[in-house]
Protein backbone atom coordinates (compact mmCIF):
# COMPACT_ATOMS: atom_id res chain seq x y z
CA MET A 1 118.37 157.02 -6.13
CA ILE A 2 116.84 154.20 -4.11
CA ARG A 3 117.60 154.25 -0.39
CA ARG A 4 116.34 151.43 1.82
CA LEU A 5 114.70 152.78 4.95
CA GLN A 6 115.30 150.24 7.71
CA ARG A 7 114.50 152.11 10.95
CA ILE A 8 111.48 154.39 10.85
CA LEU A 9 110.28 156.58 13.67
CA ILE A 10 106.52 157.11 13.88
CA ALA A 11 105.73 160.64 15.06
CA ASN A 12 102.28 159.90 16.43
CA ARG A 13 100.32 157.94 19.01
CA GLY A 14 97.56 155.35 19.25
CA GLU A 15 96.16 153.02 16.64
CA VAL A 16 97.89 154.63 13.67
CA VAL A 17 101.25 153.75 15.22
CA GLN A 18 100.13 150.13 15.43
CA SER A 19 98.96 150.14 11.81
CA ILE A 20 102.26 151.57 10.58
CA THR A 21 104.23 149.19 12.82
CA LYS A 22 102.36 146.20 11.35
CA SER A 23 103.14 147.25 7.78
CA LEU A 24 106.78 147.93 8.62
CA HIS A 25 107.21 144.52 10.26
CA GLU A 26 105.64 142.81 7.25
CA MET A 27 108.21 144.63 5.10
CA GLY A 28 111.07 143.54 7.38
CA ARG A 29 111.64 147.06 8.73
CA GLU A 30 111.91 148.37 12.29
CA ALA A 31 109.39 150.68 13.94
CA ILE A 32 110.42 153.26 16.54
CA ALA A 33 107.68 154.80 18.67
CA VAL A 34 107.72 158.00 20.69
CA TYR A 35 105.43 158.69 23.62
CA GLU A 36 104.37 161.23 26.17
CA LEU A 37 104.05 160.23 29.83
CA PRO A 38 100.26 159.51 29.73
CA ASP A 39 100.92 156.92 26.99
CA SER A 40 103.70 155.10 28.84
CA GLU A 41 101.67 151.88 29.35
CA THR A 42 99.93 151.69 25.98
CA LEU A 43 100.05 148.84 23.48
CA PHE A 44 101.41 150.89 20.61
CA ILE A 45 104.76 151.41 22.31
CA ARG A 46 104.97 147.78 23.38
CA ARG A 47 104.57 146.53 19.81
CA ALA A 48 107.24 148.82 18.38
CA ASP A 49 110.87 147.69 18.24
CA ALA A 50 111.86 150.60 20.46
CA ALA A 51 110.06 153.43 22.21
CA ILE A 52 111.51 156.77 23.23
CA PRO A 53 109.92 159.09 25.82
CA ILE A 54 109.70 162.67 24.59
CA GLY A 55 108.13 164.48 27.56
CA ALA A 56 105.32 164.80 30.07
CA GLY A 57 102.85 166.20 27.53
CA PRO A 58 99.98 165.98 27.03
CA LEU A 59 99.88 166.83 23.30
CA THR A 60 102.62 169.44 23.40
CA ASP A 61 105.46 166.97 22.88
CA TYR A 62 103.76 165.15 20.01
CA LEU A 63 103.70 168.58 18.36
CA ASN A 64 107.33 169.39 19.19
CA SER A 65 109.29 168.81 16.00
CA GLU A 66 112.66 169.41 17.68
CA LYS A 67 112.04 166.69 20.28
CA ILE A 68 110.83 164.24 17.67
CA ILE A 69 113.81 164.82 15.38
CA ARG A 70 116.13 164.48 18.38
CA ALA A 71 114.48 161.16 19.23
CA ALA A 72 114.88 159.97 15.64
CA LYS A 73 118.58 160.73 15.70
CA GLU A 74 118.96 159.06 19.10
CA ALA A 75 117.29 155.94 17.72
CA GLY A 76 119.39 155.92 14.55
CA ALA A 77 116.27 156.25 12.41
CA ASP A 78 116.46 156.72 8.66
CA ALA A 79 113.04 158.29 8.27
CA ILE A 80 109.96 159.64 10.03
CA HIS A 81 106.38 158.65 9.30
CA PRO A 82 103.98 161.32 10.64
CA GLY A 83 100.76 159.25 10.53
CA TYR A 84 97.77 161.61 10.53
CA GLY A 85 96.99 164.59 12.73
CA PHE A 86 99.70 166.22 14.83
CA LEU A 87 102.61 167.16 12.50
CA SER A 88 101.47 165.19 9.46
CA GLU A 89 100.51 168.30 7.45
CA SER A 90 103.31 170.55 8.69
CA ALA A 91 105.53 171.68 5.82
CA GLU A 92 107.96 173.08 8.39
CA PHE A 93 108.31 169.65 10.02
CA ALA A 94 108.84 167.98 6.64
CA ALA A 95 111.54 170.53 5.83
CA ALA A 96 113.18 170.06 9.24
CA CYS A 97 113.35 166.31 8.65
CA ARG A 98 115.07 166.88 5.32
CA ASP A 99 117.49 169.41 6.84
CA ASN A 100 118.46 166.83 9.45
CA GLY A 101 119.11 164.04 6.98
CA LEU A 102 115.85 162.22 7.70
CA VAL A 103 113.39 161.11 5.04
CA PHE A 104 109.90 162.48 5.63
CA ILE A 105 107.36 159.89 4.51
CA GLY A 106 104.95 162.19 2.76
CA PRO A 107 104.97 164.85 0.05
CA PRO A 108 107.80 167.39 -0.27
CA PRO A 109 107.48 170.45 1.99
CA GLU A 110 107.04 172.74 -1.02
CA VAL A 111 103.99 170.76 -2.12
CA MET A 112 102.62 170.72 1.42
CA ARG A 113 102.89 174.51 1.60
CA ARG A 114 100.97 174.94 -1.64
CA LEU A 115 98.23 172.54 -0.62
CA GLY A 116 98.13 173.43 3.07
CA ASP A 117 96.85 176.92 2.35
CA LYS A 118 93.30 176.06 1.27
CA VAL A 119 92.76 179.39 -0.51
CA MET A 120 96.02 179.07 -2.43
CA ALA A 121 95.26 175.44 -3.30
CA LYS A 122 91.85 176.31 -4.76
CA GLU A 123 93.33 179.14 -6.82
CA MET A 124 95.97 176.74 -8.13
CA MET A 125 93.23 174.33 -9.21
CA ARG A 126 91.22 177.09 -10.90
CA GLN A 127 94.27 177.86 -13.01
CA GLU A 128 94.13 174.23 -14.16
CA ARG A 129 90.40 174.73 -14.96
CA ILE A 130 89.35 172.34 -12.23
CA VAL A 131 85.94 173.33 -10.87
CA THR A 132 86.13 174.43 -7.25
CA ILE A 133 83.48 175.46 -4.75
CA PRO A 134 83.02 179.26 -4.88
CA GLY A 135 84.92 180.95 -2.08
CA THR A 136 86.68 184.11 -0.93
CA GLU A 137 90.26 185.08 -0.33
CA VAL A 138 91.40 185.20 3.29
CA LEU A 139 88.94 187.39 5.17
CA ALA A 140 90.30 190.59 6.65
CA SER A 141 90.39 190.97 10.42
CA GLY A 142 87.79 192.97 12.31
CA PRO A 143 84.67 194.58 10.77
CA ALA A 144 86.17 194.53 7.28
CA GLY A 145 86.18 190.73 7.31
CA VAL A 146 82.56 190.63 8.44
CA ALA A 147 81.64 192.95 5.56
CA GLU A 148 83.51 190.74 3.07
CA ALA A 149 81.72 187.62 4.30
CA LEU A 150 78.33 189.34 4.19
CA ALA A 151 78.91 190.51 0.63
CA PHE A 152 79.98 187.02 -0.43
CA ALA A 153 76.92 185.43 1.19
CA GLU A 154 74.64 187.91 -0.55
CA ALA A 155 76.23 187.04 -3.87
CA VAL A 156 76.12 183.21 -3.59
CA GLY A 157 73.26 182.72 -1.11
CA TYR A 158 73.11 181.05 2.28
CA PRO A 159 74.30 178.79 3.77
CA ILE A 160 77.98 179.61 3.65
CA LEU A 161 80.84 177.94 5.48
CA LEU A 162 83.57 179.76 7.39
CA LYS A 163 86.71 177.61 7.18
CA ALA A 164 90.21 177.78 8.63
CA VAL A 165 92.81 178.42 5.94
CA GLU A 166 95.13 175.89 7.60
CA GLY A 167 92.23 173.54 8.38
CA GLY A 168 91.89 169.80 8.05
CA GLY A 169 90.11 166.84 9.57
CA GLY A 170 86.82 168.72 9.76
CA ARG A 171 88.12 171.19 12.32
CA GLY A 172 87.75 174.95 12.16
CA ILE A 173 84.48 174.94 10.18
CA ARG A 174 81.35 176.97 10.98
CA GLU A 175 78.10 176.95 9.01
CA VAL A 176 76.25 180.26 8.68
CA LYS A 177 72.59 180.09 7.68
CA ASP A 178 71.68 183.79 7.86
CA ALA A 179 73.21 187.25 8.17
CA ALA A 180 72.11 187.67 11.79
CA HIS A 181 74.60 185.07 13.04
CA LEU A 182 77.50 185.71 10.68
CA GLU A 183 79.59 188.00 12.89
CA GLN A 184 79.29 185.70 15.90
CA GLN A 185 80.15 182.61 13.86
CA LEU A 186 83.13 184.35 12.29
CA HIS A 187 84.44 185.10 15.77
CA HIS A 188 84.03 181.44 16.76
CA ALA A 189 85.65 180.23 13.54
CA ARG A 190 88.71 182.41 14.11
CA ARG A 191 89.01 181.21 17.69
CA GLU A 192 88.76 177.54 16.70
CA ALA A 193 91.29 178.00 13.92
CA LEU A 194 93.75 179.62 16.29
CA LEU A 195 93.38 176.84 18.86
CA ALA A 196 93.60 174.01 16.33
CA PHE A 197 96.20 175.36 13.89
CA ASN A 198 97.85 178.31 15.65
CA ASP A 199 96.56 180.54 12.85
CA ASP A 200 93.23 182.40 12.91
CA ALA A 201 93.07 182.99 9.14
CA VAL A 202 89.60 182.14 7.81
CA TYR A 203 87.90 182.24 4.43
CA ALA A 204 84.27 181.84 3.33
CA GLU A 205 82.94 179.19 1.00
CA LYS A 206 79.53 178.50 -0.53
CA GLY A 207 77.68 175.80 1.40
CA ILE A 208 76.55 172.97 -0.90
CA VAL A 209 73.28 171.64 0.52
CA ALA A 210 73.20 167.89 1.28
CA PRO A 211 75.99 166.72 -1.05
CA ARG A 212 77.89 163.46 -1.00
CA HIS A 213 81.41 163.81 0.40
CA VAL A 214 83.61 161.72 -1.89
CA GLU A 215 87.37 161.28 -1.72
CA ILE A 216 89.81 159.67 -4.14
CA GLN A 217 92.93 157.92 -2.84
CA ILE A 218 95.99 158.63 -4.96
CA LEU A 219 99.56 157.34 -5.10
CA ALA A 220 102.33 159.28 -6.83
CA ASP A 221 106.00 158.42 -7.19
CA ALA A 222 108.96 160.77 -7.65
CA TYR A 223 109.09 160.09 -11.39
CA GLY A 224 105.77 161.68 -12.33
CA LYS A 225 103.59 158.57 -12.23
CA VAL A 226 100.21 159.08 -10.55
CA ILE A 227 97.45 156.51 -10.10
CA HIS A 228 94.28 156.38 -8.04
CA LEU A 229 92.99 153.56 -5.83
CA GLY A 230 89.32 154.37 -6.27
CA SER A 231 86.85 156.20 -4.11
CA ARG A 232 85.48 156.46 -0.58
CA ASP A 233 82.21 157.97 0.64
CA CYS A 234 82.63 159.95 3.85
CA SER A 235 79.22 161.63 3.93
CA ILE A 236 78.00 160.44 7.33
CA GLN A 237 79.43 163.13 9.60
CA ARG A 238 78.67 164.86 12.86
CA ARG A 239 79.72 168.51 13.02
CA HIS A 240 81.93 167.98 9.98
CA GLN A 241 83.72 165.07 11.69
CA LYS A 242 83.56 161.78 9.78
CA LEU A 243 81.91 158.91 11.63
CA LEU A 244 81.48 156.19 9.02
CA GLU A 245 83.18 155.69 5.67
CA THR A 246 82.60 153.30 2.79
CA ALA A 247 84.48 152.12 -0.27
CA PRO A 248 83.73 152.47 -3.07
CA ALA A 249 81.40 155.48 -3.24
CA ALA A 250 78.70 153.40 -4.90
CA ALA A 251 76.01 156.08 -5.34
CA VAL A 252 78.04 158.09 -7.87
CA PRO A 253 77.24 157.18 -11.52
CA GLY A 254 80.09 155.49 -13.37
CA ASP A 255 80.78 158.28 -15.86
CA ILE A 256 80.92 160.90 -13.10
CA MET A 257 83.12 158.68 -10.95
CA ASP A 258 85.53 158.19 -13.85
CA ALA A 259 85.67 161.98 -14.31
CA MET A 260 86.25 162.49 -10.59
CA CYS A 261 89.11 159.96 -10.54
CA ARG A 262 90.71 161.55 -13.61
CA THR A 263 90.39 164.96 -11.96
CA ALA A 264 92.09 163.67 -8.81
CA VAL A 265 95.03 162.46 -10.87
CA ARG A 266 95.18 165.84 -12.66
CA VAL A 267 95.16 167.62 -9.29
CA ALA A 268 98.07 165.52 -8.03
CA ARG A 269 100.10 166.01 -11.19
CA HIS A 270 99.47 169.76 -11.25
CA ALA A 271 100.58 170.06 -7.61
CA GLY A 272 103.75 168.00 -8.18
CA TYR A 273 102.49 165.53 -5.60
CA VAL A 274 104.63 162.64 -4.33
CA ASN A 275 103.55 159.81 -1.97
CA ALA A 276 100.02 158.89 -0.81
CA GLY A 277 97.29 161.49 -0.53
CA THR A 278 93.57 162.08 -0.82
CA VAL A 279 91.74 164.45 -3.16
CA GLU A 280 88.36 165.43 -1.73
CA PHE A 281 85.21 166.42 -3.62
CA LEU A 282 81.58 167.28 -2.98
CA TYR A 283 79.05 165.66 -5.31
CA ASP A 284 75.50 166.93 -5.83
CA GLU A 285 73.27 164.00 -6.81
CA GLN A 286 70.43 166.26 -7.94
CA GLN A 287 72.57 168.32 -10.32
CA GLY A 288 75.01 165.56 -11.23
CA GLU A 289 77.96 167.89 -10.57
CA PHE A 290 81.07 167.69 -8.41
CA TRP A 291 83.48 170.28 -7.01
CA PHE A 292 87.07 170.05 -5.83
CA MET A 293 87.41 170.74 -2.10
CA GLU A 294 90.99 170.10 -1.00
CA VAL A 295 93.92 167.71 -0.89
CA ASN A 296 94.83 165.94 2.34
CA PRO A 297 98.59 165.38 1.96
CA ARG A 298 98.83 162.43 4.33
CA LEU A 299 97.47 159.04 5.30
CA GLN A 300 93.74 159.12 6.10
CA VAL A 301 92.14 157.59 9.17
CA GLU A 302 89.81 155.66 6.86
CA HIS A 303 92.49 154.28 4.53
CA SER A 304 91.57 150.76 5.70
CA VAL A 305 88.40 150.62 3.55
CA THR A 306 90.46 151.21 0.42
CA GLU A 307 92.93 148.54 1.49
CA MET A 308 90.07 146.08 2.08
CA VAL A 309 88.58 146.46 -1.41
CA THR A 310 91.85 146.75 -3.38
CA GLY A 311 94.18 144.50 -1.37
CA ILE A 312 96.86 147.21 -1.54
CA ASP A 313 98.81 148.16 1.62
CA ILE A 314 98.87 151.96 1.35
CA ILE A 315 101.43 152.36 4.14
CA ALA A 316 103.80 149.94 2.40
CA LYS A 317 103.43 151.96 -0.80
CA GLN A 318 104.25 155.11 1.16
CA ILE A 319 107.48 153.53 2.35
CA GLU A 320 108.45 152.32 -1.12
CA ILE A 321 107.82 155.73 -2.68
CA ALA A 322 109.81 157.45 0.09
CA GLU A 323 112.70 155.09 -0.66
CA GLY A 324 112.75 156.43 -4.22
CA ARG A 325 111.24 153.33 -5.79
CA PRO A 326 109.01 153.80 -8.85
CA LEU A 327 105.40 152.69 -8.52
CA ALA A 328 105.18 149.10 -9.71
CA LEU A 329 101.40 149.38 -10.06
CA GLU A 330 99.66 150.39 -13.26
CA GLN A 331 96.19 151.95 -13.17
CA GLU A 332 94.72 148.85 -14.80
CA ASP A 333 96.17 146.74 -11.96
CA VAL A 334 93.86 148.44 -9.46
CA ALA A 335 90.42 146.91 -9.04
CA ALA A 336 87.88 147.28 -6.25
CA GLU A 337 86.17 144.07 -5.21
CA GLY A 338 83.09 144.14 -2.99
CA CYS A 339 82.31 146.83 -0.44
CA ALA A 340 83.97 147.89 2.82
CA ILE A 341 82.62 149.97 5.71
CA HIS A 342 84.67 151.62 8.44
CA VAL A 343 83.45 152.96 11.79
CA ARG A 344 85.30 154.69 14.61
CA VAL A 345 84.43 153.15 17.97
CA ASN A 346 84.87 155.98 20.46
CA ALA A 347 84.67 156.16 24.24
CA GLU A 348 81.61 158.41 24.11
CA ASP A 349 78.00 158.23 25.26
CA PRO A 350 75.78 158.68 22.17
CA GLY A 351 72.72 158.89 24.41
CA ASN A 352 74.18 161.96 26.12
CA HIS A 353 75.33 164.16 23.25
CA PHE A 354 78.41 161.95 22.72
CA TRP A 355 79.86 162.95 26.07
CA PRO A 356 83.44 161.60 26.43
CA GLU A 357 84.09 158.68 28.77
CA GLY A 358 87.68 159.66 29.55
CA GLY A 359 89.10 158.36 32.81
CA LYS A 360 87.15 155.09 32.78
CA THR A 361 88.81 151.68 32.62
CA VAL A 362 88.03 148.76 30.33
CA VAL A 363 87.30 145.81 32.62
CA GLY A 364 86.16 143.45 29.87
CA PHE A 365 87.00 143.27 26.19
CA ARG A 366 85.81 140.76 23.59
CA PRO A 367 86.27 141.92 19.99
CA PRO A 368 84.51 140.41 16.98
CA ALA A 369 86.47 138.13 14.68
CA GLY A 370 85.99 136.23 11.46
CA PRO A 371 86.21 136.63 7.68
CA GLY A 372 86.02 140.19 6.40
CA ILE A 373 86.64 141.82 9.80
CA ARG A 374 89.59 144.08 10.56
CA LEU A 375 90.36 145.84 13.86
CA ASP A 376 92.91 148.61 14.41
CA GLY A 377 93.15 149.93 17.95
CA VAL A 378 94.90 150.27 21.28
CA ILE A 379 92.19 148.94 23.57
CA ARG A 380 92.67 145.99 25.96
CA GLU A 381 91.43 144.87 29.37
CA GLY A 382 92.84 147.23 31.97
CA TYR A 383 93.15 150.10 29.51
CA THR A 384 92.15 153.43 31.03
CA VAL A 385 90.76 155.88 28.51
CA PRO A 386 92.91 159.03 28.66
CA THR A 387 91.21 162.33 29.35
CA VAL A 388 93.83 164.33 27.47
CA TYR A 389 93.68 162.74 23.99
CA ASP A 390 90.92 161.92 21.51
CA SER A 391 88.34 159.30 22.44
CA LEU A 392 89.06 156.79 19.64
CA LEU A 393 89.33 153.24 21.01
CA VAL A 394 89.38 151.09 17.90
CA LYS A 395 88.62 151.26 14.19
CA LEU A 396 86.37 148.50 12.89
CA THR A 397 86.42 147.79 9.16
CA VAL A 398 84.34 145.08 7.49
CA TRP A 399 84.22 143.74 3.94
CA GLY A 400 81.36 142.13 2.04
CA SER A 401 80.91 140.97 -1.53
CA SER A 402 77.95 143.37 -1.80
CA TRP A 403 76.64 146.43 0.03
CA THR A 404 73.98 144.37 1.79
CA GLU A 405 76.49 141.76 2.94
CA ALA A 406 78.85 144.47 4.21
CA VAL A 407 76.06 146.16 6.22
CA ASP A 408 74.93 142.83 7.67
CA ARG A 409 78.49 141.89 8.57
CA LEU A 410 79.05 145.27 10.23
CA LYS A 411 75.87 144.89 12.27
CA GLU A 412 76.82 141.36 13.37
CA ALA A 413 80.35 142.45 14.28
CA LEU A 414 79.08 145.38 16.31
CA GLU A 415 76.54 143.24 18.16
CA LYS A 416 79.30 140.78 19.11
CA PHE A 417 81.70 143.55 20.15
CA VAL A 418 81.82 143.68 23.98
CA ILE A 419 83.52 146.51 25.86
CA VAL A 420 82.79 146.48 29.58
CA GLY A 421 83.32 149.44 31.91
CA LEU A 422 82.38 152.41 29.77
CA LYS A 423 79.93 153.60 27.15
CA THR A 424 80.89 153.57 23.51
CA THR A 425 79.46 154.50 20.13
CA ILE A 426 78.80 150.84 19.25
CA PRO A 427 74.99 151.01 19.82
CA PHE A 428 74.81 154.17 17.71
CA TYR A 429 76.32 152.32 14.75
CA VAL A 430 73.97 149.36 15.32
CA ALA A 431 71.07 151.82 15.04
CA ILE A 432 72.50 153.11 11.74
CA CYS A 433 72.80 149.54 10.41
CA ASN A 434 69.09 149.02 11.15
CA GLU A 435 67.98 152.31 9.56
CA PRO A 436 66.23 151.77 6.17
CA ASP A 437 67.82 154.67 4.28
CA PHE A 438 71.32 153.56 5.25
CA ARG A 439 70.57 149.95 4.34
CA ALA A 440 69.39 151.18 0.93
CA GLY A 441 72.54 153.29 0.46
CA ARG A 442 70.59 156.56 0.63
CA PHE A 443 72.72 159.01 2.61
CA ASP A 444 74.56 162.29 2.21
CA THR A 445 76.01 164.91 4.55
CA SER A 446 72.52 165.69 5.88
CA TYR A 447 71.97 162.09 7.01
CA LEU A 448 72.26 162.66 10.76
CA ASP A 449 70.20 165.85 10.58
CA LEU A 450 67.39 163.88 8.93
CA HIS A 451 67.63 160.92 11.32
CA GLY A 452 67.75 162.65 14.67
CA ASP A 453 66.07 159.67 16.35
CA LEU A 454 69.39 157.83 16.05
CA PHE A 455 70.45 160.02 18.98
CA ASP A 456 67.47 158.96 21.10
CA PRO A 457 68.85 157.64 24.42
CA ALA A 458 66.30 154.83 24.28
CA ARG A 459 68.25 153.40 21.34
CA HIS A 460 71.49 153.40 23.28
CA ILE A 461 70.76 151.45 26.42
CA ALA A 462 70.87 147.67 26.11
CA ALA A 463 73.67 145.22 26.54
CA ASN A 464 76.17 146.87 24.22
CA PHE A 465 77.05 149.46 26.86
CA HIS A 466 78.14 146.88 29.47
CA PRO A 467 78.73 149.60 32.12
């Protein structure tokens, strides 16, 4: 049954609220924002059709499903879009929405439960004969867990990764390079998992050395139709946090990319997936092999690069699928044109170990503009960077007809981007644009380890800081 969703509450904050609001307005729908006290003067609530305060926060109220559902009912909302982060991967929140007569714009809670447990998800894929990275079951607590991890490392070789079972977004991951540091790193991994996900369950996984991190965007309707929207390369990371993403993942040979995309569709079908999601893989260029990592059952921060090369509004498709509409797209309708690159401009000092610039105020703001440039963000003159939330100011996405044109356009946009009053990561990205390996498309997850001079403070002085 098709049900038009007219008023949609967005259970999130910041630039993702603005992105969802824009798509909703283009569809002729209403956007309802919620906010904690520190966000009471931000642009994202001004651009929504209504905004409801949910508490003093910080963070706790954006994670309070009861308050958000109460706000949705107060606003007369038909549905809730969770964005990314916060409650976006909570099966319990999705179920609570359904129990309260609200449509959750995302996969069904049963699917989220199966995919949210990373160990269970990998076992499910092995049953489908999808190649996964070797890993353990959930490690036992105490010395027994240390012994299990040591035995696994001895069997597969170092490095290994210790990962939160409920993990996502690069959080709750620790790399272990030798036995001497395993117990300490396991302790840290458990602590990080507990803080980030309220669950200290951890498992071990073989560390693939210097792979490409490739993800496939999928769309699936409620009638069993699944298509993919091509690939993204998310290899340039710092401490497992993505910094720069590209579409498509051009370094992967065509036959392997076709196999990866087909596998992503198989994964989604096997999981009973509905709505938009991302299937993530690691690809070893030397061996020409790829492994399934996980499914992110939500919108991705970097979805804009896929939208730029395909012309498809992923958020709009999420809404249509949630309304019960069948996918009007066929796989042959999807084509990637050109290349897109996405960077996250953060209020951080790259010359000082990316130290946050929270508490400082933007006293001047001049963004780049022109063909092939897209900005998603909350920044404006007079905006004070909060100390209690993440440091993301704006997402910059550029498009070019070729890789070289996209890199050149990104560099030009960054050099014209003026933010006065605080330090940002803009000069760091300019340095990447000038680096020969990046310009040649030669990068993997070891890129920043191999190009440590990109962190040299001497590279990050100059006019771009505008302190």
